[in-house]
Amino acid sequence: MHQPPTFEVVGDAIREERMQAGLTRIELARQAGISRRFLCHLENGTRDRMSPPLYIALRTALQATDTRLLAPPRPIPPERK
């Protein structure tokens, strides 16, 4: 089954960037066009994937870089190469 493309994000980095920007969860959620609950799940690590449009909106609202917010790529297991 084909999965749509997603971005794997680091919740701790999102929280740190939000706090450095002086934003509450509600403020950031509004700016990024996502729910506060979804933002909480991202920051707590219970959700770690975002669709491209939502990720771009969050990154833009935080004025952060991909290097800061994205999880490092996982190695491909040898049987899948």
Protein backbone atom coordinates (compact mmCIF):
# COMPACT_ATOMS: atom_id res chain seq x y z
CA MET A 1 0.00 0.00 0.00
CA HIS A 2 1.35 3.42 -0.94
CA GLN A 3 1.82 5.90 1.92
CA PRO A 4 1.59 9.65 1.22
CA PRO A 5 4.82 11.58 1.82
CA THR A 6 5.32 12.84 5.35
CA PHE A 7 7.99 14.61 7.36
CA GLU A 8 9.27 13.02 10.57
CA VAL A 9 9.80 15.76 13.15
CA VAL A 10 11.53 16.04 16.53
CA GLY A 11 9.07 17.10 19.23
CA ASP A 12 11.72 18.42 21.61
CA ALA A 13 13.08 20.70 18.88
CA ILE A 14 9.60 22.03 18.11
CA ARG A 15 9.02 22.82 21.80
CA GLU A 16 12.44 24.50 22.14
CA GLU A 17 11.92 26.61 19.02
CA ARG A 18 8.44 27.62 20.18
CA MET A 19 9.72 28.65 23.59
CA GLN A 20 12.68 30.57 22.10
CA ALA A 21 10.19 32.42 19.90
CA GLY A 22 8.19 33.34 23.01
CA LEU A 23 5.03 31.67 21.71
CA THR A 24 2.41 29.71 23.60
CA ARG A 25 1.10 26.49 22.11
CA ILE A 26 -2.13 28.25 21.21
CA GLU A 27 -0.31 31.09 19.43
CA LEU A 28 1.92 28.74 17.44
CA ALA A 29 -0.96 26.45 16.55
CA ARG A 30 -2.95 29.41 15.21
CA GLN A 31 -0.01 30.75 13.21
CA ALA A 32 0.70 27.32 11.72
CA GLY A 33 -2.96 26.50 11.06
CA ILE A 34 -2.94 23.35 13.20
CA SER A 35 -4.82 22.43 16.35
CA ARG A 36 -3.30 22.98 19.77
CA ARG A 37 -3.92 19.30 20.47
CA PHE A 38 -1.93 18.20 17.40
CA LEU A 39 0.90 20.55 18.43
CA CYS A 40 0.86 19.01 21.93
CA HIS A 41 1.11 15.53 20.41
CA LEU A 42 4.06 16.62 18.27
CA GLU A 43 5.90 18.22 21.17
CA ASN A 44 5.27 15.21 23.43
CA GLY A 45 6.36 12.73 20.78
CA THR A 46 3.08 10.85 20.57
CA ARG A 47 2.90 12.03 16.94
CA ASP A 48 6.02 12.47 14.87
CA ARG A 49 4.83 12.76 11.28
CA MET A 50 3.37 15.71 9.42
CA SER A 51 2.07 16.22 5.91
CA PRO A 52 4.23 18.53 3.79
CA PRO A 53 1.82 21.52 3.87
CA LEU A 54 1.43 21.37 7.66
CA TYR A 55 5.16 20.91 8.22
CA ILE A 56 5.98 23.89 6.00
CA ALA A 57 3.41 26.05 7.84
CA LEU A 58 4.88 25.04 11.22
CA ARG A 59 8.47 25.60 10.08
CA THR A 60 7.52 29.01 8.68
CA ALA A 61 5.68 30.04 11.85
CA LEU A 62 8.74 29.09 13.91
CA GLN A 63 11.20 30.58 11.41
CA ALA A 64 13.19 27.38 11.92
CA THR A 65 15.28 25.22 9.61
CA ASP A 66 14.73 21.67 8.39
CA THR A 67 18.00 20.71 10.08
CA ARG A 68 16.56 21.78 13.41
CA LEU A 69 13.06 20.29 13.13
CA LEU A 70 13.44 17.10 11.08
CA ALA A 71 14.51 13.77 12.51
CA PRO A 72 17.73 12.41 11.02
CA PRO A 73 17.18 9.90 8.22
CA ARG A 74 16.98 6.29 9.33
CA PRO A 75 19.35 3.80 7.72
CA ILE A 76 17.75 1.48 5.18
CA PRO A 77 17.83 -2.15 6.37
CA PRO A 78 20.03 -4.36 4.15
CA GLU A 79 17.07 -6.49 3.00
CA ARG A 80 15.35 -3.39 1.56
CA LYS A 81 18.32 -2.10 -0.46
